[in-house]
Amino acid sequence: MRKIIQTEKAPAAVGPYSQGVRMGNLLFISGQLGIDMATGEIDYDNVEMQTTQVLNNLKSIAEAGG
């Protein structure tokens, strides 16, 4: 059974995409940008912060997907 995963703790999917899809015990997560959910901005001057934010966004989707 396919379940669409969505959380407000990560950037919303744009277009016909989902943040994630769970099928059985597999979780497929879409690519993420380094958007800081607190500000809605990307810190283009700091790749380390962007990387950290991408991983935080992926973690939020994974947690929402169980």
C-alpha atoms as a PDB file:
ATOM      1  CA  MET A   1       0.000   0.000   0.000  1.00  0.00           C
ATOM      2  CA  ARG A   2       1.319   3.447  -0.951  1.00  0.00           C
ATOM      3  CA  LYS A   3       1.183   6.311   1.562  1.00  0.00           C
ATOM      4  CA  ILE A   4       2.102   9.926   0.762  1.00  0.00           C
ATOM      5  CA  ILE A   5       4.321  11.487   3.438  1.00  0.00           C
ATOM      6  CA  GLN A   6       3.961  15.181   4.240  1.00  0.00           C
ATOM      7  CA  THR A   7       5.251  17.317   7.095  1.00  0.00           C
ATOM      8  CA  GLU A   8       5.297  21.031   7.838  1.00  0.00           C
ATOM      9  CA  LYS A   9       8.799  20.596   9.302  1.00  0.00           C
ATOM     10  CA  ALA A  10      10.325  20.436   5.796  1.00  0.00           C
ATOM     11  CA  PRO A  11       9.818  22.535   2.662  1.00  0.00           C
ATOM     12  CA  ALA A  12       6.623  21.759   0.775  1.00  0.00           C
ATOM     13  CA  ALA A  13       6.971  19.837  -2.466  1.00  0.00           C
ATOM     14  CA  VAL A  14       6.603  22.014  -5.568  1.00  0.00           C
ATOM     15  CA  GLY A  15       4.559  20.800  -8.511  1.00  0.00           C
ATOM     16  CA  PRO A  16       3.328  17.220  -8.783  1.00  0.00           C
ATOM     17  CA  TYR A  17       5.819  15.883  -6.225  1.00  0.00           C
ATOM     18  CA  SER A  18       5.518  14.558  -2.697  1.00  0.00           C
ATOM     19  CA  GLN A  19       7.984  15.070   0.122  1.00  0.00           C
ATOM     20  CA  GLY A  20       8.021  11.322   0.495  1.00  0.00           C
ATOM     21  CA  VAL A  21       6.218   8.117  -0.343  1.00  0.00           C
ATOM     22  CA  ARG A  22       6.067   5.036   1.858  1.00  0.00           C
ATOM     23  CA  MET A  23       5.466   1.651   0.258  1.00  0.00           C
ATOM     24  CA  GLY A  24       5.548  -1.204   2.715  1.00  0.00           C
ATOM     25  CA  ASN A  25       8.760  -0.851   4.700  1.00  0.00           C
ATOM     26  CA  LEU A  26      10.451   1.358   2.079  1.00  0.00           C
ATOM     27  CA  LEU A  27      10.509   5.163   2.241  1.00  0.00           C
ATOM     28  CA  PHE A  28      11.323   7.233  -0.838  1.00  0.00           C
ATOM     29  CA  ILE A  29      12.191  10.877  -0.093  1.00  0.00           C
ATOM     30  CA  SER A  30      12.390  13.624  -2.707  1.00  0.00           C
ATOM     31  CA  GLY A  31      15.478  15.790  -3.082  1.00  0.00           C
ATOM     32  CA  GLN A  32      15.687  18.712  -0.682  1.00  0.00           C
ATOM     33  CA  LEU A  33      17.049  22.227  -0.679  1.00  0.00           C
ATOM     34  CA  GLY A  34      18.734  23.863   2.285  1.00  0.00           C
ATOM     35  CA  ILE A  35      15.692  25.987   3.092  1.00  0.00           C
ATOM     36  CA  ASP A  36      15.602  27.004   6.749  1.00  0.00           C
ATOM     37  CA  MET A  37      12.006  26.388   7.825  1.00  0.00           C
ATOM     38  CA  ALA A  38      12.240  29.107  10.515  1.00  0.00           C
ATOM     39  CA  THR A  39      13.066  31.844   7.988  1.00  0.00           C
ATOM     40  CA  GLY A  40      12.036  30.369   4.634  1.00  0.00           C
ATOM     41  CA  GLU A  41      15.463  31.367   3.313  1.00  0.00           C
ATOM     42  CA  ILE A  42      18.549  29.621   1.933  1.00  0.00           C
ATOM     43  CA  ASP A  43      21.909  30.825   3.259  1.00  0.00           C
ATOM     44  CA  TYR A  44      23.709  30.933  -0.098  1.00  0.00           C
ATOM     45  CA  ASP A  45      26.922  32.154   1.524  1.00  0.00           C
ATOM     46  CA  ASN A  46      27.349  29.142   3.816  1.00  0.00           C
ATOM     47  CA  VAL A  47      27.469  25.675   2.238  1.00  0.00           C
ATOM     48  CA  GLU A  48      27.948  24.031   5.643  1.00  0.00           C
ATOM     49  CA  MET A  49      24.678  25.514   6.905  1.00  0.00           C
ATOM     50  CA  GLN A  50      22.895  24.536   3.684  1.00  0.00           C
ATOM     51  CA  THR A  51      24.134  20.947   4.057  1.00  0.00           C
ATOM     52  CA  THR A  52      23.046  20.795   7.679  1.00  0.00           C
ATOM     53  CA  GLN A  53      19.614  22.154   6.758  1.00  0.00           C
ATOM     54  CA  VAL A  54      19.188  19.629   3.910  1.00  0.00           C
ATOM     55  CA  LEU A  55      19.945  16.804   6.346  1.00  0.00           C
ATOM     56  CA  ASN A  56      17.523  18.255   8.910  1.00  0.00           C
ATOM     57  CA  ASN A  57      14.803  18.471   6.248  1.00  0.00           C
ATOM     58  CA  LEU A  58      15.437  14.857   5.194  1.00  0.00           C
ATOM     59  CA  LYS A  59      15.318  13.787   8.847  1.00  0.00           C
ATOM     60  CA  SER A  60      11.963  15.524   9.355  1.00  0.00           C
ATOM     61  CA  ILE A  61      10.473  13.712   6.354  1.00  0.00           C
ATOM     62  CA  ALA A  62      11.943  10.374   7.472  1.00  0.00           C
ATOM     63  CA  GLU A  63      10.472  10.869  10.952  1.00  0.00           C
ATOM     64  CA  ALA A  64       7.079  11.736   9.451  1.00  0.00           C
ATOM     65  CA  GLY A  65       7.306   8.552   7.382  1.00  0.00           C
ATOM     66  CA  GLY A  66       7.994   6.447  10.461  1.00  0.00           C
END
